[in-house]
C-alpha atoms as a PDB file:
ATOM      1  CA  MET A   1     188.534 -44.288  48.549  1.00  0.00           C
ATOM      2  CA  LEU A   2     188.165 -40.911  50.221  1.00  0.00           C
ATOM      3  CA  ARG A   3     188.488 -39.125  46.871  1.00  0.00           C
ATOM      4  CA  PHE A   4     185.923 -41.466  45.324  1.00  0.00           C
ATOM      5  CA  LEU A   5     183.439 -40.845  48.122  1.00  0.00           C
ATOM      6  CA  LYS A   6     184.050 -37.131  47.821  1.00  0.00           C
ATOM      7  CA  THR A   7     183.324 -37.238  44.107  1.00  0.00           C
ATOM      8  CA  VAL A   8     180.175 -39.260  44.661  1.00  0.00           C
ATOM      9  CA  PHE A   9     179.074 -36.701  47.237  1.00  0.00           C
ATOM     10  CA  LEU A  10     179.726 -33.815  44.848  1.00  0.00           C
ATOM     11  CA  LEU A  11     177.908 -35.581  42.038  1.00  0.00           C
ATOM     12  CA  GLY A  12     174.998 -36.028  44.361  1.00  0.00           C
ATOM     13  CA  LEU A  13     175.260 -32.395  45.369  1.00  0.00           C
ATOM     14  CA  LEU A  14     175.144 -31.297  41.749  1.00  0.00           C
ATOM     15  CA  ALA A  15     172.116 -33.487  41.164  1.00  0.00           C
ATOM     16  CA  ALA A  16     170.417 -32.025  44.207  1.00  0.00           C
ATOM     17  CA  LEU A  17     171.315 -28.518  43.133  1.00  0.00           C
ATOM     18  CA  ALA A  18     169.967 -29.235  39.695  1.00  0.00           C
ATOM     19  CA  GLY A  19     166.656 -30.156  41.196  1.00  0.00           C
ATOM     20  CA  ALA A  20     166.601 -26.897  43.077  1.00  0.00           C
ATOM     21  CA  GLY A  21     167.963 -24.795  40.246  1.00  0.00           C
ATOM     22  CA  GLY A  22     171.220 -24.241  42.145  1.00  0.00           C
ATOM     23  CA  ALA A  23     173.324 -26.064  39.544  1.00  0.00           C
ATOM     24  CA  TRP A  24     172.142 -23.714  36.817  1.00  0.00           C
ATOM     25  CA  TRP A  25     173.144 -20.763  38.997  1.00  0.00           C
ATOM     26  CA  TRP A  26     176.626 -22.230  39.608  1.00  0.00           C
ATOM     27  CA  LEU A  27     177.197 -23.075  35.950  1.00  0.00           C
ATOM     28  CA  GLN A  28     176.345 -19.518  34.883  1.00  0.00           C
ATOM     29  CA  ARG A  29     178.288 -17.801  37.653  1.00  0.00           C
ATOM     30  CA  PRO A  30     181.670 -16.273  36.649  1.00  0.00           C
ATOM     31  CA  MET A  31     184.602 -17.895  38.383  1.00  0.00           C
ATOM     32  CA  GLY A  32     187.100 -15.732  40.230  1.00  0.00           C
ATOM     33  CA  MET A  33     190.331 -14.894  38.376  1.00  0.00           C
ATOM     34  CA  PRO A  34     193.677 -13.494  39.577  1.00  0.00           C
ATOM     35  CA  GLY A  35     193.881 -11.226  36.513  1.00  0.00           C
ATOM     36  CA  THR A  36     192.170 -10.336  33.260  1.00  0.00           C
ATOM     37  CA  THR A  37     193.275 -13.636  31.712  1.00  0.00           C
ATOM     38  CA  VAL A  38     194.721 -16.939  32.847  1.00  0.00           C
ATOM     39  CA  ASP A  39     196.846 -19.256  30.710  1.00  0.00           C
ATOM     40  CA  LEU A  40     195.862 -22.916  30.842  1.00  0.00           C
ATOM     41  CA  SER A  41     197.824 -25.766  29.275  1.00  0.00           C
ATOM     42  CA  ILE A  42     196.110 -29.118  28.703  1.00  0.00           C
ATOM     43  CA  GLU A  43     198.574 -31.855  27.855  1.00  0.00           C
ATOM     44  CA  PRO A  44     197.682 -34.774  25.569  1.00  0.00           C
ATOM     45  CA  GLY A  45     196.175 -37.668  27.494  1.00  0.00           C
ATOM     46  CA  MET A  46     195.240 -35.552  30.511  1.00  0.00           C
ATOM     47  CA  LEU A  47     192.141 -36.982  32.218  1.00  0.00           C
ATOM     48  CA  PRO A  48     189.156 -34.795  33.191  1.00  0.00           C
ATOM     49  CA  ARG A  49     190.059 -34.862  36.889  1.00  0.00           C
ATOM     50  CA  ALA A  50     193.577 -33.618  36.087  1.00  0.00           C
ATOM     51  CA  VAL A  51     192.124 -30.931  33.818  1.00  0.00           C
ATOM     52  CA  ALA A  52     189.908 -29.681  36.640  1.00  0.00           C
ATOM     53  CA  GLN A  53     192.911 -29.570  38.954  1.00  0.00           C
ATOM     54  CA  ALA A  54     194.965 -27.748  36.290  1.00  0.00           C
ATOM     55  CA  VAL A  55     192.260 -25.074  36.046  1.00  0.00           C
ATOM     56  CA  ALA A  56     192.439 -24.492  39.801  1.00  0.00           C
ATOM     57  CA  ASP A  57     196.240 -24.591  39.799  1.00  0.00           C
ATOM     58  CA  ALA A  58     196.274 -21.921  37.084  1.00  0.00           C
ATOM     59  CA  GLY A  59     194.613 -19.554  39.531  1.00  0.00           C
ATOM     60  CA  VAL A  60     190.918 -19.894  38.690  1.00  0.00           C
ATOM     61  CA  GLN A  61     188.886 -19.754  41.895  1.00  0.00           C
ATOM     62  CA  VAL A  62     186.886 -22.958  41.604  1.00  0.00           C
ATOM     63  CA  HIS A  63     186.757 -26.169  43.609  1.00  0.00           C
ATOM     64  CA  PRO A  64     188.490 -28.738  41.350  1.00  0.00           C
ATOM     65  CA  GLU A  65     186.327 -31.630  42.570  1.00  0.00           C
ATOM     66  CA  LEU A  66     183.155 -29.694  41.864  1.00  0.00           C
ATOM     67  CA  LEU A  67     184.464 -28.757  38.414  1.00  0.00           C
ATOM     68  CA  TYR A  68     185.365 -32.392  37.770  1.00  0.00           C
ATOM     69  CA  ALA A  69     181.878 -33.399  38.802  1.00  0.00           C
ATOM     70  CA  TRP A  70     180.488 -30.975  36.238  1.00  0.00           C
ATOM     71  CA  PHE A  71     182.741 -32.511  33.580  1.00  0.00           C
ATOM     72  CA  ARG A  72     181.352 -35.944  34.512  1.00  0.00           C
ATOM     73  CA  VAL A  73     177.687 -34.943  34.672  1.00  0.00           C
ATOM     74  CA  SER A  74     177.845 -33.043  31.382  1.00  0.00           C
ATOM     75  CA  GLY A  75     179.081 -36.071  29.466  1.00  0.00           C
ATOM     76  CA  GLN A  76     181.695 -33.880  27.710  1.00  0.00           C
ATOM     77  CA  GLY A  77     184.636 -34.562  29.986  1.00  0.00           C
ATOM     78  CA  ARG A  78     186.188 -36.997  27.514  1.00  0.00           C
ATOM     79  CA  ALA A  79     185.780 -34.457  24.703  1.00  0.00           C
ATOM     80  CA  ILE A  80     188.229 -32.013  26.285  1.00  0.00           C
ATOM     81  CA  LYS A  81     191.059 -31.363  23.847  1.00  0.00           C
ATOM     82  CA  ALA A  82     194.722 -30.817  24.583  1.00  0.00           C
ATOM     83  CA  GLY A  83     196.045 -27.373  23.823  1.00  0.00           C
ATOM     84  CA  SER A  84     197.037 -23.958  25.082  1.00  0.00           C
ATOM     85  CA  TYR A  85     194.075 -21.903  26.280  1.00  0.00           C
ATOM     86  CA  GLU A  86     193.493 -18.379  27.460  1.00  0.00           C
ATOM     87  CA  LEU A  87     190.711 -18.075  30.025  1.00  0.00           C
ATOM     88  CA  GLU A  88     189.191 -14.635  30.154  1.00  0.00           C
ATOM     89  CA  ARG A  89     187.768 -12.866  33.199  1.00  0.00           C
ATOM     90  CA  GLY A  90     184.060 -13.621  33.564  1.00  0.00           C
ATOM     91  CA  ILE A  91     184.289 -17.178  32.260  1.00  0.00           C
ATOM     92  CA  THR A  92     181.742 -19.578  33.755  1.00  0.00           C
ATOM     93  CA  PRO A  93     182.028 -23.334  34.309  1.00  0.00           C
ATOM     94  CA  ARG A  94     179.691 -23.910  31.364  1.00  0.00           C
ATOM     95  CA  ARG A  95     181.660 -21.649  29.030  1.00  0.00           C
ATOM     96  CA  LEU A  96     184.918 -23.193  30.247  1.00  0.00           C
ATOM     97  CA  LEU A  97     183.820 -26.694  29.293  1.00  0.00           C
ATOM     98  CA  ASP A  98     182.520 -25.485  25.923  1.00  0.00           C
ATOM     99  CA  LYS A  99     185.900 -23.866  25.197  1.00  0.00           C
ATOM    100  CA  LEU A 100     187.870 -26.955  26.181  1.00  0.00           C
ATOM    101  CA  ALA A 101     185.599 -29.400  24.352  1.00  0.00           C
ATOM    102  CA  ARG A 102     185.694 -27.333  21.153  1.00  0.00           C
ATOM    103  CA  GLY A 103     189.435 -26.862  21.337  1.00  0.00           C
ATOM    104  CA  GLU A 104     189.234 -23.067  21.247  1.00  0.00           C
ATOM    105  CA  GLU A 105     192.929 -22.523  21.810  1.00  0.00           C
ATOM    106  CA  ALA A 106     194.576 -19.168  22.389  1.00  0.00           C
ATOM    107  CA  LEU A 107     196.132 -18.594  18.976  1.00  0.00           C
ATOM    108  CA  ARG A 108     198.719 -16.117  17.789  1.00  0.00           C
ATOM    109  CA  ALA A 109     199.834 -15.495  14.213  1.00  0.00           C
ATOM    110  CA  VAL A 110     203.020 -14.724  12.328  1.00  0.00           C
ATOM    111  CA  THR A 111     203.052 -13.456   8.744  1.00  0.00           C
ATOM    112  CA  LEU A 112     205.867 -14.477   6.418  1.00  0.00           C
ATOM    113  CA  VAL A 113     205.818 -12.074   3.482  1.00  0.00           C
ATOM    114  CA  GLU A 114     206.221 -12.946  -0.206  1.00  0.00           C
ATOM    115  CA  GLY A 115     209.655 -11.925  -1.416  1.00  0.00           C
ATOM    116  CA  PHE A 116     211.316 -12.169   1.993  1.00  0.00           C
ATOM    117  CA  ASN A 117     214.538 -14.151   2.168  1.00  0.00           C
ATOM    118  CA  PHE A 118     215.252 -16.723   4.844  1.00  0.00           C
ATOM    119  CA  ARG A 119     217.185 -14.248   6.988  1.00  0.00           C
ATOM    120  CA  GLN A 120     214.110 -11.998   7.047  1.00  0.00           C
ATOM    121  CA  PHE A 121     211.849 -14.973   7.807  1.00  0.00           C
ATOM    122  CA  ARG A 122     213.954 -15.803  10.840  1.00  0.00           C
ATOM    123  CA  ALA A 123     213.869 -12.193  12.029  1.00  0.00           C
ATOM    124  CA  VAL A 124     210.065 -12.127  11.813  1.00  0.00           C
ATOM    125  CA  MET A 125     209.691 -15.365  13.750  1.00  0.00           C
ATOM    126  CA  ALA A 126     212.124 -14.171  16.388  1.00  0.00           C
ATOM    127  CA  LYS A 127     209.592 -11.431  17.140  1.00  0.00           C
ATOM    128  CA  GLY A 128     206.582 -13.750  17.061  1.00  0.00           C
ATOM    129  CA  GLU A 129     204.348 -13.221  20.078  1.00  0.00           C
ATOM    130  CA  GLN A 130     204.870 -16.075  22.548  1.00  0.00           C
ATOM    131  CA  LEU A 131     206.556 -18.187  19.855  1.00  0.00           C
ATOM    132  CA  LYS A 132     209.394 -20.231  21.369  1.00  0.00           C
ATOM    133  CA  PRO A 133     212.672 -19.364  19.562  1.00  0.00           C
ATOM    134  CA  ASP A 134     214.040 -22.903  19.494  1.00  0.00           C
ATOM    135  CA  THR A 135     215.994 -22.140  16.309  1.00  0.00           C
ATOM    136  CA  GLY A 136     217.356 -18.858  17.608  1.00  0.00           C
ATOM    137  CA  GLN A 137     220.897 -20.116  18.180  1.00  0.00           C
ATOM    138  CA  LEU A 138     220.995 -22.536  15.246  1.00  0.00           C
ATOM    139  CA  THR A 139     222.683 -21.971  11.907  1.00  0.00           C
ATOM    140  CA  ASP A 140     220.677 -22.236   8.700  1.00  0.00           C
ATOM    141  CA  ALA A 141     222.269 -25.628   8.050  1.00  0.00           C
ATOM    142  CA  GLU A 142     221.354 -26.861  11.519  1.00  0.00           C
ATOM    143  CA  ILE A 143     217.748 -25.759  11.027  1.00  0.00           C
ATOM    144  CA  MET A 144     217.470 -27.660   7.754  1.00  0.00           C
ATOM    145  CA  LYS A 145     218.947 -30.759   9.396  1.00  0.00           C
ATOM    146  CA  LEU A 146     216.412 -30.438  12.225  1.00  0.00           C
ATOM    147  CA  LEU A 147     213.648 -30.297   9.612  1.00  0.00           C
ATOM    148  CA  GLY A 148     214.916 -33.417   7.886  1.00  0.00           C
ATOM    149  CA  ARG A 149     216.452 -31.582   4.912  1.00  0.00           C
ATOM    150  CA  GLU A 150     220.142 -31.896   5.721  1.00  0.00           C
ATOM    151  CA  GLY A 151     222.314 -30.361   3.016  1.00  0.00           C
ATOM    152  CA  GLN A 152     219.475 -28.415   1.399  1.00  0.00           C
ATOM    153  CA  HIS A 153     219.779 -24.636   1.138  1.00  0.00           C
ATOM    154  CA  PRO A 154     216.892 -22.992   3.043  1.00  0.00           C
ATOM    155  CA  GLU A 155     216.271 -20.145   0.614  1.00  0.00           C
ATOM    156  CA  GLY A 156     212.946 -20.401  -1.172  1.00  0.00           C
ATOM    157  CA  ARG A 157     211.887 -23.536   0.677  1.00  0.00           C
ATOM    158  CA  PHE A 158     209.259 -21.961   2.945  1.00  0.00           C
ATOM    159  CA  PHE A 159     205.903 -20.774   1.671  1.00  0.00           C
ATOM    160  CA  PRO A 160     205.036 -17.168   2.563  1.00  0.00           C
ATOM    161  CA  ASP A 161     201.704 -17.029   4.370  1.00  0.00           C
ATOM    162  CA  THR A 162     200.110 -16.199   7.727  1.00  0.00           C
ATOM    163  CA  TYR A 163     200.553 -19.057  10.181  1.00  0.00           C
ATOM    164  CA  THR A 164     198.579 -19.359  13.400  1.00  0.00           C
ATOM    165  CA  TYR A 165     199.972 -21.184  16.400  1.00  0.00           C
ATOM    166  CA  ALA A 166     199.112 -21.860  20.018  1.00  0.00           C
ATOM    167  CA  LYS A 167     200.824 -19.756  22.651  1.00  0.00           C
ATOM    168  CA  GLY A 168     204.145 -21.285  23.567  1.00  0.00           C
ATOM    169  CA  SER A 169     204.520 -23.210  20.305  1.00  0.00           C
ATOM    170  CA  SER A 170     207.983 -23.757  18.868  1.00  0.00           C
ATOM    171  CA  ASP A 171     209.164 -21.827  15.833  1.00  0.00           C
ATOM    172  CA  VAL A 172     210.272 -25.215  14.485  1.00  0.00           C
ATOM    173  CA  ALA A 173     206.601 -26.176  14.117  1.00  0.00           C
ATOM    174  CA  VAL A 174     205.879 -23.025  12.096  1.00  0.00           C
ATOM    175  CA  LEU A 175     208.880 -23.629   9.849  1.00  0.00           C
ATOM    176  CA  ARG A 176     207.849 -27.235   9.316  1.00  0.00           C
ATOM    177  CA  ARG A 177     204.371 -26.146   8.213  1.00  0.00           C
ATOM    178  CA  ALA A 178     205.820 -23.515   5.868  1.00  0.00           C
ATOM    179  CA  LEU A 179     208.232 -26.081   4.433  1.00  0.00           C
ATOM    180  CA  ARG A 180     205.461 -28.567   3.721  1.00  0.00           C
ATOM    181  CA  ALA A 181     203.291 -25.823   2.268  1.00  0.00           C
ATOM    182  CA  MET A 182     206.016 -24.880  -0.217  1.00  0.00           C
ATOM    183  CA  ASP A 183     206.519 -28.520  -1.174  1.00  0.00           C
ATOM    184  CA  LYS A 184     202.815 -28.742  -1.951  1.00  0.00           C
ATOM    185  CA  ARG A 185     202.609 -25.423  -3.817  1.00  0.00           C
ATOM    186  CA  LEU A 186     205.707 -26.149  -5.884  1.00  0.00           C
ATOM    187  CA  ALA A 187     204.462 -29.611  -6.859  1.00  0.00           C
ATOM    188  CA  ALA A 188     201.096 -28.147  -7.894  1.00  0.00           C
ATOM    189  CA  ALA A 189     202.760 -25.457 -10.011  1.00  0.00           C
ATOM    190  CA  TRP A 190     205.168 -27.916 -11.641  1.00  0.00           C
ATOM    191  CA  ALA A 191     202.226 -30.117 -12.635  1.00  0.00           C
ATOM    192  CA  GLN A 192     200.806 -27.109 -14.532  1.00  0.00           C
ATOM    193  CA  ARG A 193     203.993 -26.122 -16.372  1.00  0.00           C
ATOM    194  CA  SER A 194     203.755 -25.011 -19.967  1.00  0.00           C
ATOM    195  CA  PRO A 195     205.282 -27.216 -22.691  1.00  0.00           C
ATOM    196  CA  GLN A 196     207.190 -24.095 -23.802  1.00  0.00           C
ATOM    197  CA  SER A 197     209.006 -23.827 -20.481  1.00  0.00           C
ATOM    198  CA  VAL A 198     212.761 -24.443 -20.607  1.00  0.00           C
ATOM    199  CA  LEU A 199     212.916 -25.331 -16.917  1.00  0.00           C
ATOM    200  CA  LYS A 200     214.078 -28.869 -16.308  1.00  0.00           C
ATOM    201  CA  THR A 201     213.242 -29.529 -12.655  1.00  0.00           C
ATOM    202  CA  PRO A 202     210.937 -28.268  -9.910  1.00  0.00           C
ATOM    203  CA  ASP A 203     214.009 -26.731  -8.253  1.00  0.00           C
ATOM    204  CA  ASP A 204     214.617 -24.711 -11.426  1.00  0.00           C
ATOM    205  CA  ALA A 205     211.032 -23.504 -11.182  1.00  0.00           C
ATOM    206  CA  LEU A 206     211.558 -22.463  -7.574  1.00  0.00           C
ATOM    207  CA  VAL A 207     214.632 -20.442  -8.520  1.00  0.00           C
ATOM    208  CA  MET A 208     212.808 -18.803 -11.431  1.00  0.00           C
ATOM    209  CA  ALA A 209     209.787 -18.028  -9.244  1.00  0.00           C
ATOM    210  CA  SER A 210     211.977 -16.320  -6.664  1.00  0.00           C
ATOM    211  CA  ILE A 211     213.438 -14.041  -9.352  1.00  0.00           C
ATOM    212  CA  VAL A 212     209.988 -13.228 -10.721  1.00  0.00           C
ATOM    213  CA  GLU A 213     208.826 -12.459  -7.172  1.00  0.00           C
ATOM    214  CA  LYS A 214     211.644  -9.973  -6.646  1.00  0.00           C
ATOM    215  CA  GLU A 215     211.397  -8.355 -10.073  1.00  0.00           C
ATOM    216  CA  THR A 216     207.749  -7.306  -9.892  1.00  0.00           C
ATOM    217  CA  GLY A 217     204.737  -7.159  -7.637  1.00  0.00           C
ATOM    218  CA  LYS A 218     202.417  -6.426 -10.572  1.00  0.00           C
ATOM    219  CA  ALA A 219     200.180  -9.388 -11.298  1.00  0.00           C
ATOM    220  CA  GLY A 220     199.930  -8.594 -15.002  1.00  0.00           C
ATOM    221  CA  ASP A 221     203.702  -8.467 -15.458  1.00  0.00           C
ATOM    222  CA  ARG A 222     204.684 -11.725 -13.803  1.00  0.00           C
ATOM    223  CA  THR A 223     204.261 -14.049 -16.793  1.00  0.00           C
ATOM    224  CA  LEU A 224     205.968 -11.463 -19.027  1.00  0.00           C
ATOM    225  CA  ILE A 225     208.953 -11.232 -16.674  1.00  0.00           C
ATOM    226  CA  SER A 226     209.072 -15.014 -16.676  1.00  0.00           C
ATOM    227  CA  ALA A 227     208.992 -15.018 -20.483  1.00  0.00           C
ATOM    228  CA  VAL A 228     211.982 -12.652 -20.673  1.00  0.00           C
ATOM    229  CA  PHE A 229     214.094 -14.948 -18.517  1.00  0.00           C
ATOM    230  CA  HIS A 230     212.891 -18.056 -20.343  1.00  0.00           C
ATOM    231  CA  ASN A 231     213.829 -16.445 -23.668  1.00  0.00           C
ATOM    232  CA  ARG A 232     217.252 -15.466 -22.379  1.00  0.00           C
ATOM    233  CA  LEU A 233     217.904 -18.991 -21.134  1.00  0.00           C
ATOM    234  CA  ARG A 234     216.729 -20.367 -24.468  1.00  0.00           C
ATOM    235  CA  VAL A 235     219.258 -18.325 -26.479  1.00  0.00           C
ATOM    236  CA  GLY A 236     222.089 -18.571 -23.940  1.00  0.00           C
ATOM    237  CA  MET A 237     221.896 -14.941 -22.846  1.00  0.00           C
ATOM    238  CA  PRO A 238     222.799 -14.051 -19.226  1.00  0.00           C
ATOM    239  CA  LEU A 239     219.771 -13.298 -17.082  1.00  0.00           C
ATOM    240  CA  GLN A 240     221.330 -10.008 -15.914  1.00  0.00           C
ATOM    241  CA  THR A 241     218.856  -9.425 -13.109  1.00  0.00           C
ATOM    242  CA  ASP A 242     219.720  -7.057 -10.264  1.00  0.00           C
ATOM    243  CA  PRO A 243     217.902  -8.940  -7.450  1.00  0.00           C
ATOM    244  CA  THR A 244     220.233 -11.915  -7.845  1.00  0.00           C
ATOM    245  CA  VAL A 245     223.278  -9.648  -7.560  1.00  0.00           C
ATOM    246  CA  ILE A 246     221.821  -8.025  -4.455  1.00  0.00           C
ATOM    247  CA  TYR A 247     221.139 -11.418  -2.912  1.00  0.00           C
ATOM    248  CA  GLY A 248     224.733 -12.465  -3.538  1.00  0.00           C
ATOM    249  CA  MET A 249     225.971  -9.347  -1.745  1.00  0.00           C
ATOM    250  CA  GLY A 250     224.120 -10.330   1.415  1.00  0.00           C
ATOM    251  CA  ALA A 251     224.527  -7.911   4.328  1.00  0.00           C
ATOM    252  CA  ALA A 252     226.999  -5.848   2.280  1.00  0.00           C
ATOM    253  CA  PHE A 253     224.153  -4.391   0.226  1.00  0.00           C
ATOM    254  CA  ASP A 254     223.353  -0.917   1.548  1.00  0.00           C
ATOM    255  CA  GLY A 255     220.287  -0.218  -0.574  1.00  0.00           C
ATOM    256  CA  ASN A 256     222.204   1.308  -3.480  1.00  0.00           C
ATOM    257  CA  LEU A 257     223.319  -0.995  -6.304  1.00  0.00           C
ATOM    258  CA  ARG A 258     226.418   0.390  -8.000  1.00  0.00           C
ATOM    259  CA  LYS A 259     228.137  -0.471 -11.281  1.00  0.00           C
ATOM    260  CA  ALA A 260     231.039  -1.944  -9.329  1.00  0.00           C
ATOM    261  CA  ASP A 261     228.613  -4.319  -7.603  1.00  0.00           C
ATOM    262  CA  LEU A 262     227.626  -5.748 -10.971  1.00  0.00           C
ATOM    263  CA  GLN A 263     231.279  -6.711 -11.485  1.00  0.00           C
ATOM    264  CA  ARG A 264     231.610  -8.391  -8.083  1.00  0.00           C
ATOM    265  CA  ASP A 265     231.608 -12.122  -8.725  1.00  0.00           C
ATOM    266  CA  THR A 266     229.383 -14.305  -6.566  1.00  0.00           C
ATOM    267  CA  PRO A 267     227.477 -17.491  -7.443  1.00  0.00           C
ATOM    268  CA  TRP A 268     224.348 -15.323  -7.770  1.00  0.00           C
ATOM    269  CA  ASN A 269     225.784 -12.647 -10.091  1.00  0.00           C
ATOM    270  CA  THR A 270     223.764 -13.284 -13.256  1.00  0.00           C
ATOM    271  CA  TYR A 271     225.650 -10.556 -15.097  1.00  0.00           C
ATOM    272  CA  LEU A 272     228.863 -12.567 -14.889  1.00  0.00           C
ATOM    273  CA  ARG A 273     227.467 -16.118 -14.814  1.00  0.00           C
ATOM    274  CA  GLY A 274     225.148 -17.831 -17.257  1.00  0.00           C
ATOM    275  CA  GLY A 275     222.003 -19.799 -16.485  1.00  0.00           C
ATOM    276  CA  LEU A 276     219.988 -19.783 -13.309  1.00  0.00           C
ATOM    277  CA  PRO A 277     221.661 -18.961  -9.984  1.00  0.00           C
ATOM    278  CA  PRO A 278     222.410 -21.958  -7.744  1.00  0.00           C
ATOM    279  CA  THR A 279     219.564 -21.320  -5.288  1.00  0.00           C
ATOM    280  CA  PRO A 280     216.392 -19.263  -5.024  1.00  0.00           C
ATOM    281  CA  ILE A 281     216.884 -15.696  -3.812  1.00  0.00           C
ATOM    282  CA  ALA A 282     213.610 -15.276  -1.898  1.00  0.00           C
ATOM    283  CA  MET A 283     210.385 -16.995  -0.888  1.00  0.00           C
ATOM    284  CA  PRO A 284     207.977 -16.846  -3.848  1.00  0.00           C
ATOM    285  CA  GLY A 285     204.209 -16.819  -3.484  1.00  0.00           C
ATOM    286  CA  LYS A 286     201.662 -18.875  -5.414  1.00  0.00           C
ATOM    287  CA  ALA A 287     201.327 -16.365  -8.276  1.00  0.00           C
ATOM    288  CA  ALA A 288     205.091 -16.219  -8.849  1.00  0.00           C
ATOM    289  CA  LEU A 289     205.324 -20.021  -8.803  1.00  0.00           C
ATOM    290  CA  LEU A 290     202.682 -20.302 -11.498  1.00  0.00           C
ATOM    291  CA  ALA A 291     204.220 -17.504 -13.581  1.00  0.00           C
ATOM    292  CA  ALA A 292     207.595 -19.242 -13.430  1.00  0.00           C
ATOM    293  CA  VAL A 293     206.246 -22.331 -15.195  1.00  0.00           C
ATOM    294  CA  GLN A 294     203.752 -20.544 -17.448  1.00  0.00           C
ATOM    295  CA  PRO A 295     205.699 -17.808 -19.265  1.00  0.00           C
ATOM    296  CA  ALA A 296     203.715 -15.564 -21.569  1.00  0.00           C
ATOM    297  CA  PRO A 297     203.942 -16.513 -25.285  1.00  0.00           C
ATOM    298  CA  VAL A 298     206.056 -13.489 -26.255  1.00  0.00           C
ATOM    299  CA  LYS A 299     209.566 -12.999 -27.695  1.00  0.00           C
ATOM    300  CA  SER A 300     210.661 -10.261 -25.299  1.00  0.00           C
ATOM    301  CA  LEU A 301     214.265 -10.274 -24.153  1.00  0.00           C
ATOM    302  CA  TYR A 302     214.286  -6.981 -22.235  1.00  0.00           C
ATOM    303  CA  PHE A 303     212.193  -4.956 -19.842  1.00  0.00           C
ATOM    304  CA  VAL A 304     212.535  -1.643 -18.048  1.00  0.00           C
ATOM    305  CA  ALA A 305     210.571  -0.112 -15.186  1.00  0.00           C
ATOM    306  CA  LYS A 306     208.101   2.543 -16.320  1.00  0.00           C
ATOM    307  CA  GLY A 307     207.968   4.287 -12.965  1.00  0.00           C
ATOM    308  CA  ASP A 308     204.385   3.334 -12.149  1.00  0.00           C
ATOM    309  CA  GLY A 309     205.076  -0.170 -10.906  1.00  0.00           C
ATOM    310  CA  THR A 310     204.787  -1.770 -14.341  1.00  0.00           C
ATOM    311  CA  SER A 311     207.426  -2.535 -16.972  1.00  0.00           C
ATOM    312  CA  GLN A 312     207.922  -1.935 -20.681  1.00  0.00           C
ATOM    313  CA  PHE A 313     208.891  -5.099 -22.566  1.00  0.00           C
ATOM    314  CA  SER A 314     210.979  -5.161 -25.746  1.00  0.00           C
ATOM    315  CA  ASP A 315     211.972  -7.814 -28.273  1.00  0.00           C
ATOM    316  CA  SER A 316     215.186  -6.131 -29.444  1.00  0.00           C
ATOM    317  CA  LEU A 317     218.018  -4.140 -27.921  1.00  0.00           C
ATOM    318  CA  ASP A 318     217.139  -1.085 -30.033  1.00  0.00           C
ATOM    319  CA  GLU A 319     213.570  -1.128 -28.728  1.00  0.00           C
ATOM    320  CA  HIS A 320     214.874  -1.565 -25.207  1.00  0.00           C
ATOM    321  CA  ASN A 321     217.270   1.384 -25.502  1.00  0.00           C
ATOM    322  CA  ARG A 322     214.421   3.598 -26.687  1.00  0.00           C
ATOM    323  CA  ALA A 323     212.320   2.447 -23.736  1.00  0.00           C
ATOM    324  CA  VAL A 324     215.172   3.196 -21.332  1.00  0.00           C
ATOM    325  CA  ASN A 325     215.533   6.690 -22.778  1.00  0.00           C
ATOM    326  CA  LYS A 326     211.810   7.298 -22.441  1.00  0.00           C
ATOM    327  CA  TYR A 327     211.115   5.877 -18.998  1.00  0.00           C
ATOM    328  CA  GLN A 328     214.473   6.192 -17.220  1.00  0.00           C
ATOM    329  CA  ARG A 329     216.102   9.235 -18.804  1.00  0.00           C
ATOM    330  CA  GLY A 330     213.032  11.233 -19.817  1.00  0.00           C
ATOM    331  CA  GLN A 331     214.270  11.654 -23.399  1.00  0.00           C
END
């Protein structure tokens, strides 16, 4: 009863102040802060009175009952949205309510780069600003189980993009969004596959896309790279692509691929094993996904780097050897 009477009094005070112009002055007056910013967490279902108290408890120098009265008088108290907010020095009661009602959360961002593998993804997220490392001590298998994909290899399953999140969010939430994004992107690409594609399943497309992603960053070469690997699969020729060998070496790769490495048997060594490797080798972007299912209509079986970021494509081994001599050996 005492709290109710106090609120009624404050509501009346605000009304009286409004008549005298005092309310306008209070609403526009910056509230005191203990620092340059204050973190405020609004939990789902929190009522306006509790929100006002949370603002005061966070260190903002404002009477919580008076702030609650403002929430009531404004008519926007029920519009306050749950979230993680950052209140800046100089914020006024009016600006505070606007921020909370619009849901202007304090967001951070983490960028997962095209061509990164899952180990690199995890390293990036571990450094995410105010991103809770809930997966930090989990194995890859445990993470996939947590995400509802028990038994599925994580490589290639997360779409590379920039993901925003509220301060204090869990890295699990970011991974879940990236997982769903890849599901959506892969399904869209598979629906656009060329009739000439030899790929049999969306998972095949994901593996192919990851190889294309690692073989070139040149937009114009992606469908040609895809065509080379499609043609090799079609005639039963090994893919013989270095990025798969490197992936199979894992942490043992020191940046220099040697001839002996090409003879080291792993499930991803496409020099020694036919067909596609058992899993993707990286996280492909949208362009690589589309290139994987839409190979260029060419007969090329070989390609060699030209030294300018592009590749020279050849239909025969003789043509390829001449290209190697020209672009790799300077002959």
